[in-house]
């Protein structure tokens, strides 16, 4: 009997030790969990504080009318959801006109461009002591648009399209291109010399050959949309985005580069894609001096590159490779 009591006492003591150990482990787990939660809360709080430290001031952007819809969309998102205290002003004077506002003392912070900066513009920047950073933002497809009622010129070759705009192209009427087409005068149109799209077209597509003096050149893309939509014999060229936003008024010419007609589309617009011959990169140029001096300018530049591919397709542009995005973000982060 005495032995049984001793055994029972030993079992109870052992059980008590086990329970005490479990309690200690549980307390340690609770303490560890509490510590992790506190650390997480502190990190979140710090992040919130950093975000709460809102920026103020303005970011001024001008330049390309082609790039305008993309940059305007990003600016809207930035001001609404990222930095409400920053005013991002986006205008569209045209690439060349924009560079004139960018390359001056106290000029704009960014210049959107549908072509690369020219040698003389880069030289002017150097003369003024302005460090310029080229940021490729998207890919655009040069698109030829015709009236909705035009049922004969829906498919053309590059050579046929070019001949319409060349001074010595020998084309005045649709029937000059194809005898089966209407014997009516073609009313060709496009953006004027202020726009990078005009310069791209003249330099890359026309190969710097004289343009037909009868081509109706306009400052506003909206004017071109209106003119072609009201003219059965009208044809114009501009960026793919303006066509996408006006599909209800216009139709695009499918271009046969030699392997059958290709429709300009986000799936075909690429530097190595089916629409490559009419594909071009578009840019925004950053005044690095301003980015170093104005926190809101640098913050916006980083936001643009981190989100550019998200909004490209939404505004009629094909995205750029992620590797290029990362390179640009890395450069911008290095300015902090």
Protein backbone atom coordinates (compact mmCIF):
# COMPACT_ATOMS: atom_id res chain seq x y z
CA UNK A 1 0.00 0.00 0.00
CA UNK A 2 2.79 2.35 0.92
CA UNK A 3 4.45 1.56 -2.42
CA UNK A 4 1.26 2.45 -4.32
CA UNK A 5 1.03 5.84 -2.57
CA UNK A 6 4.64 6.60 -3.46
CA UNK A 7 3.99 5.63 -7.10
CA UNK A 8 0.86 7.77 -7.25
CA UNK A 9 2.74 10.74 -5.81
CA UNK A 10 5.50 10.35 -8.41
CA UNK A 11 2.93 10.24 -11.29
CA UNK A 12 1.18 13.38 -10.01
CA UNK A 13 4.51 15.21 -9.65
CA UNK A 14 5.59 14.24 -13.15
CA UNK A 15 2.25 15.43 -14.56
CA UNK A 16 2.66 18.76 -12.76
CA UNK A 17 6.14 19.23 -14.24
CA UNK A 18 4.82 18.50 -17.77
CA UNK A 19 1.92 20.94 -17.34
CA UNK A 20 4.27 23.62 -16.05
CA UNK A 21 6.56 23.10 -19.02
CA UNK A 22 3.62 23.33 -21.44
CA UNK A 23 2.48 26.51 -19.76
CA UNK A 24 5.93 28.02 -20.11
CA UNK A 25 6.11 27.08 -23.81
CA UNK A 26 2.65 28.54 -24.38
CA UNK A 27 3.66 31.75 -22.62
CA UNK A 28 6.79 31.90 -24.75
CA UNK A 29 4.72 31.35 -27.91
CA UNK A 30 2.27 34.05 -26.82
CA UNK A 31 5.14 36.40 -26.01
CA UNK A 32 6.79 35.63 -29.37
CA UNK A 33 3.50 36.09 -31.21
CA UNK A 34 2.88 39.32 -29.36
CA UNK A 35 6.39 40.50 -30.23
CA UNK A 36 5.89 39.60 -33.92
CA UNK A 37 2.55 41.39 -33.96
CA UNK A 38 4.09 44.43 -32.34
CA UNK A 39 6.94 44.41 -34.88
CA UNK A 40 4.45 44.04 -37.71
CA UNK A 41 2.31 46.82 -36.31
CA UNK A 42 5.38 49.02 -35.92
CA UNK A 43 6.43 48.31 -39.53
CA UNK A 44 2.92 49.00 -40.81
CA UNK A 45 2.74 52.14 -38.72
CA UNK A 46 6.09 53.30 -40.08
CA UNK A 47 4.92 52.58 -43.62
CA UNK A 48 1.70 54.48 -43.01
CA UNK A 49 3.66 57.38 -41.53
CA UNK A 50 5.92 57.47 -44.57
CA UNK A 51 2.91 57.46 -46.87
CA UNK A 52 1.21 60.02 -44.68
CA UNK A 53 4.20 62.31 -45.20
CA UNK A 54 2.59 63.53 -48.39
CA UNK A 55 4.42 65.51 -51.00
CA UNK A 56 3.35 68.90 -52.24
CA UNK A 57 4.02 71.06 -55.26
CA UNK A 58 3.58 70.62 -58.98
CA UNK A 59 4.88 68.45 -61.80
CA UNK A 60 4.76 70.09 -65.23
CA UNK A 61 4.63 67.97 -68.39
CA UNK A 62 4.26 68.97 -72.03
CA UNK A 63 5.08 67.53 -75.41
CA UNK A 64 3.72 64.76 -77.57
CA UNK A 65 0.04 64.64 -78.34
CA UNK A 66 0.46 60.92 -79.03
CA UNK A 67 1.83 60.20 -75.56
CA UNK A 68 -0.64 62.59 -73.90
CA UNK A 69 -3.46 60.05 -73.22
CA UNK A 70 -1.04 57.69 -71.49
CA UNK A 71 0.61 60.33 -69.31
CA UNK A 72 -2.70 62.04 -68.52
CA UNK A 73 -4.15 58.71 -67.35
CA UNK A 74 -1.17 58.02 -65.08
CA UNK A 75 -1.26 61.59 -63.73
CA UNK A 76 -4.93 61.17 -62.81
CA UNK A 77 -4.21 57.93 -60.97
CA UNK A 78 -1.20 59.42 -59.18
CA UNK A 79 -3.07 62.48 -57.93
CA UNK A 80 -6.09 60.44 -56.85
CA UNK A 81 -4.47 57.47 -55.15
CA UNK A 82 -0.84 58.29 -54.49
CA UNK A 83 -0.13 61.95 -53.73
CA UNK A 84 -3.18 64.17 -53.44
CA UNK A 85 -1.00 67.17 -52.54
CA UNK A 86 0.83 67.12 -55.88
CA UNK A 87 -0.61 68.76 -58.98
CA UNK A 88 0.48 67.03 -62.19
CA UNK A 89 -0.17 69.28 -65.18
CA UNK A 90 -0.10 67.48 -68.55
CA UNK A 91 -0.25 69.43 -71.83
CA UNK A 92 0.18 68.42 -75.48
CA UNK A 93 1.92 71.09 -77.54
CA UNK A 94 3.63 68.41 -79.64
CA UNK A 95 7.05 66.82 -79.31
CA UNK A 96 9.11 69.57 -80.94
CA UNK A 97 7.13 72.42 -79.40
CA UNK A 98 7.40 70.65 -76.06
CA UNK A 99 11.19 70.42 -76.26
CA UNK A 100 11.29 74.21 -76.67
CA UNK A 101 9.48 74.52 -73.33
CA UNK A 102 11.66 71.81 -71.75
CA UNK A 103 15.07 73.10 -72.84
CA UNK A 104 15.00 76.51 -71.15
CA UNK A 105 15.85 77.78 -67.69
CA UNK A 106 13.03 76.78 -65.31
CA UNK A 107 11.42 74.76 -68.08
CA UNK A 108 9.02 71.85 -67.81
CA UNK A 109 9.89 68.81 -65.69
CA UNK A 110 9.10 66.25 -68.41
CA UNK A 111 8.75 66.34 -72.17
CA UNK A 112 6.73 63.55 -73.73
CA UNK A 113 8.03 62.60 -77.16
CA UNK A 114 6.98 60.36 -80.01
CA UNK A 115 10.54 60.45 -81.34
CA UNK A 116 14.00 60.49 -79.79
CA UNK A 117 15.66 63.75 -78.84
CA UNK A 118 17.57 65.34 -81.72
CA UNK A 119 21.29 66.09 -81.65
CA UNK A 120 20.68 69.83 -81.62
CA UNK A 121 18.22 69.47 -78.73
CA UNK A 122 20.71 67.40 -76.76
CA UNK A 123 23.36 70.03 -77.46
CA UNK A 124 21.04 72.76 -76.18
CA UNK A 125 20.47 70.77 -72.98
CA UNK A 126 24.21 70.45 -72.46
CA UNK A 127 24.69 74.16 -73.10
CA UNK A 128 22.09 74.99 -70.44
CA UNK A 129 23.51 72.47 -67.98
CA UNK A 130 20.34 70.37 -68.04
CA UNK A 131 20.87 66.67 -67.43
CA UNK A 132 18.30 64.79 -69.46
CA UNK A 133 17.17 61.19 -68.96
CA UNK A 134 15.36 59.38 -71.74
CA UNK A 135 12.64 57.06 -70.45
CA UNK A 136 11.01 54.75 -72.97
CA UNK A 137 7.39 54.40 -71.87
CA UNK A 138 5.58 52.35 -74.54
CA UNK A 139 5.36 51.14 -78.12
CA UNK A 140 3.04 52.77 -80.62
CA UNK A 141 1.85 51.67 -84.04
CA UNK A 142 1.59 54.32 -86.75
CA UNK A 143 -1.97 53.87 -87.98
CA UNK A 144 -3.61 54.97 -91.22
CA UNK A 145 -7.33 55.65 -90.84
CA UNK A 146 -10.10 56.05 -93.39
CA UNK A 147 -13.78 56.90 -93.38
CA UNK A 148 -16.27 54.27 -92.23
CA UNK A 149 -17.93 54.31 -95.67
CA UNK A 150 -14.69 53.62 -97.51
CA UNK A 151 -15.10 50.00 -98.63
CA UNK A 152 -12.24 49.82 -101.15
CA UNK A 153 -9.04 50.86 -99.34
CA UNK A 154 -9.31 48.63 -96.28
CA UNK A 155 -6.10 46.83 -97.22
CA UNK A 156 -3.01 48.49 -98.71
CA UNK A 157 0.72 47.92 -99.00
CA UNK A 158 3.24 50.30 -97.40
CA UNK A 159 4.23 51.45 -100.89
CA UNK A 160 0.65 52.35 -101.77
CA UNK A 161 0.18 54.28 -98.55
CA UNK A 162 3.44 56.14 -98.94
CA UNK A 163 2.64 57.08 -102.55
CA UNK A 164 -0.42 59.01 -101.35
CA UNK A 165 1.71 61.35 -99.26
CA UNK A 166 4.79 61.74 -101.50
CA UNK A 167 5.21 64.83 -103.65
CA UNK A 168 6.28 62.68 -106.60
CA UNK A 169 4.21 59.64 -105.68
CA UNK A 170 2.10 60.02 -108.81
CA UNK A 171 -1.12 59.59 -106.83
CA UNK A 172 -3.98 62.06 -106.70
CA UNK A 173 -7.02 59.81 -107.02
CA UNK A 174 -7.90 56.42 -105.59
CA UNK A 175 -7.95 55.06 -109.14
CA UNK A 176 -4.26 55.97 -109.46
CA UNK A 177 -3.56 53.25 -106.91
CA UNK A 178 -6.03 50.71 -108.26
CA UNK A 179 -8.06 51.21 -111.47
CA UNK A 180 -10.99 49.46 -109.83
CA UNK A 181 -11.15 52.07 -107.06
CA UNK A 182 -13.17 55.33 -107.33
CA UNK A 183 -11.97 57.99 -109.73
CA UNK A 184 -12.10 60.55 -106.92
CA UNK A 185 -9.48 62.80 -105.34
CA UNK A 186 -7.81 61.51 -102.18
CA UNK A 187 -7.85 63.97 -99.29
CA UNK A 188 -4.70 63.13 -97.32
CA UNK A 189 -4.15 64.53 -93.83
CA UNK A 190 -1.82 64.27 -90.85
CA UNK A 191 -0.37 66.04 -87.80
CA UNK A 192 1.75 69.13 -88.42
CA UNK A 193 5.47 69.78 -87.88
CA UNK A 194 5.06 70.37 -84.12
CA UNK A 195 4.45 66.67 -83.64
CA UNK A 196 6.96 63.87 -83.35
CA UNK A 197 4.53 61.72 -85.34
CA UNK A 198 4.99 64.01 -88.33
CA UNK A 199 8.78 63.81 -87.95
CA UNK A 200 8.72 60.03 -87.57
CA UNK A 201 6.55 59.78 -90.67
CA UNK A 202 8.72 62.16 -92.71
CA UNK A 203 12.07 60.73 -91.58
CA UNK A 204 11.35 57.02 -91.22
CA UNK A 205 8.39 56.30 -93.48
CA UNK A 206 8.95 58.82 -96.29
CA UNK A 207 12.73 58.53 -95.86
CA UNK A 208 12.96 62.36 -95.88
CA UNK A 209 11.44 62.64 -99.35
CA UNK A 210 9.27 65.69 -99.98
CA UNK A 211 5.70 65.41 -98.79
CA UNK A 212 2.86 66.30 -101.13
CA UNK A 213 1.97 69.97 -100.57
CA UNK A 214 -1.72 69.10 -100.70
CA UNK A 215 -1.55 67.08 -97.47
CA UNK A 216 -3.72 68.82 -94.86
CA UNK A 217 -1.56 69.12 -91.71
CA UNK A 218 -3.30 69.85 -88.41
CA UNK A 219 -2.21 70.68 -84.87
CA UNK A 220 -5.00 68.79 -83.11
CA UNK A 221 -5.54 65.07 -83.51
CA UNK A 222 -9.21 65.55 -82.69
CA UNK A 223 -9.47 67.73 -85.81
CA UNK A 224 -8.04 64.92 -87.94
CA UNK A 225 -10.54 62.46 -86.48
CA UNK A 226 -13.40 64.82 -87.30
CA UNK A 227 -12.21 65.57 -90.85
CA UNK A 228 -11.76 61.91 -91.83
CA UNK A 229 -15.01 60.84 -90.18
CA UNK A 230 -16.85 63.37 -92.38
CA UNK A 231 -14.97 62.72 -95.63
CA UNK A 232 -15.45 59.49 -97.58
CA UNK A 233 -12.22 60.18 -99.47
CA UNK A 234 -10.19 61.18 -96.43
CA UNK A 235 -7.15 59.34 -95.08
CA UNK A 236 -4.87 60.33 -92.20
CA UNK A 237 -2.06 58.93 -90.08
CA UNK A 238 -1.48 59.14 -86.34
CA UNK A 239 -0.80 56.98 -83.28
CA UNK A 240 -2.75 53.79 -82.65
CA UNK A 241 -4.24 55.17 -79.42
CA UNK A 242 -6.22 57.85 -81.24
CA UNK A 243 -7.66 55.22 -83.56
CA UNK A 244 -8.61 52.94 -80.64
CA UNK A 245 -10.46 55.78 -78.95
CA UNK A 246 -12.34 56.62 -82.15
CA UNK A 247 -13.20 53.20 -83.58
CA UNK A 248 -16.84 54.24 -83.73
CA UNK A 249 -15.93 57.00 -86.21
CA UNK A 250 -13.03 55.54 -88.20
CA UNK A 251 -11.60 52.33 -89.56
CA UNK A 252 -7.93 51.39 -89.78
CA UNK A 253 -6.16 50.31 -92.94
CA UNK A 254 -4.71 46.81 -92.65
CA UNK A 255 -1.18 46.86 -94.04
CA UNK A 256 0.30 44.09 -96.18
CA UNK A 257 4.04 44.06 -95.51
CA UNK A 258 4.50 41.04 -97.78
CA UNK A 259 2.90 38.21 -95.84
CA UNK A 260 -0.75 39.24 -95.95
CA UNK A 261 -2.66 42.15 -94.40
CA UNK A 262 -1.82 42.98 -90.78
CA UNK A 263 -4.27 44.81 -88.57
CA UNK A 264 -2.72 47.37 -86.22
CA UNK A 265 -3.44 45.97 -82.75
CA UNK A 266 -1.78 45.56 -79.36
CA UNK A 267 -0.95 41.99 -80.37
CA UNK A 268 0.84 43.02 -83.59
CA UNK A 269 2.51 46.28 -82.49
CA UNK A 270 6.06 45.28 -81.47
CA UNK A 271 9.60 46.06 -82.55
CA UNK A 272 9.92 42.45 -83.73
CA UNK A 273 6.24 41.75 -84.47
CA UNK A 274 4.03 41.59 -87.56
CA UNK A 275 3.53 45.38 -87.51
CA UNK A 276 7.20 46.10 -86.80
CA UNK A 277 7.76 48.31 -89.86
CA UNK A 278 5.23 50.83 -88.54
CA UNK A 279 6.06 50.35 -84.84
CA UNK A 280 7.96 53.00 -82.90
CA UNK A 281 8.92 53.54 -79.26
CA UNK A 282 7.57 56.61 -77.47
CA UNK A 283 9.25 58.40 -74.59
CA UNK A 284 9.15 60.89 -71.82
CA UNK A 285 12.28 62.93 -71.13
CA UNK A 286 13.05 63.86 -67.53
CA UNK A 287 14.91 66.97 -66.37
CA UNK A 288 17.21 65.20 -63.90
CA UNK A 289 18.17 68.50 -62.26
CA UNK A 290 14.53 69.05 -61.33
CA UNK A 291 14.20 65.47 -60.12
CA UNK A 292 17.09 66.04 -57.71
CA UNK A 293 15.70 69.37 -56.52
CA UNK A 294 11.98 68.56 -56.33
CA UNK A 295 10.96 65.39 -54.46
CA UNK A 296 7.55 65.32 -56.16
CA UNK A 297 9.13 65.23 -59.63
CA UNK A 298 11.33 62.25 -58.76
CA UNK A 299 8.46 60.50 -56.98
CA UNK A 300 6.25 60.91 -60.03
CA UNK A 301 8.97 59.64 -62.36
CA UNK A 302 9.37 56.49 -60.27
CA UNK A 303 5.59 56.02 -60.13
CA UNK A 304 5.35 56.34 -63.91
CA UNK A 305 7.93 53.65 -64.59
CA UNK A 306 6.59 51.29 -61.94
CA UNK A 307 3.10 51.49 -63.42
CA UNK A 308 3.68 52.23 -67.09
CA UNK A 309 2.85 48.78 -68.44
CA UNK A 310 -0.34 48.64 -66.39
CA UNK A 311 -1.76 51.66 -68.22
CA UNK A 312 -0.15 51.21 -71.66
CA UNK A 313 -2.74 48.85 -73.12
CA UNK A 314 -5.56 50.80 -71.53
CA UNK A 315 -4.61 53.87 -73.57
CA UNK A 316 -3.72 52.17 -76.87
CA UNK A 317 -0.03 51.34 -76.44
CA UNK A 318 1.89 48.08 -76.37
CA UNK A 319 4.04 47.54 -73.24
CA UNK A 320 7.81 47.69 -73.11
CA UNK A 321 9.96 44.80 -71.81
CA UNK A 322 10.05 44.52 -68.01
CA UNK A 323 13.86 44.52 -68.08
CA UNK A 324 13.78 48.06 -69.49
CA UNK A 325 11.31 49.11 -66.82
CA UNK A 326 13.58 47.78 -64.08
CA UNK A 327 16.65 49.53 -65.53
CA UNK A 328 14.83 52.87 -65.55
CA UNK A 329 13.47 52.42 -62.02
CA UNK A 330 16.96 51.51 -60.79
CA UNK A 331 18.37 54.71 -62.31
CA UNK A 332 15.61 56.84 -60.74
CA UNK A 333 15.94 55.22 -57.33
CA UNK A 334 19.63 56.08 -57.47
CA UNK A 335 18.76 59.79 -57.60
CA UNK A 336 17.37 59.74 -54.06
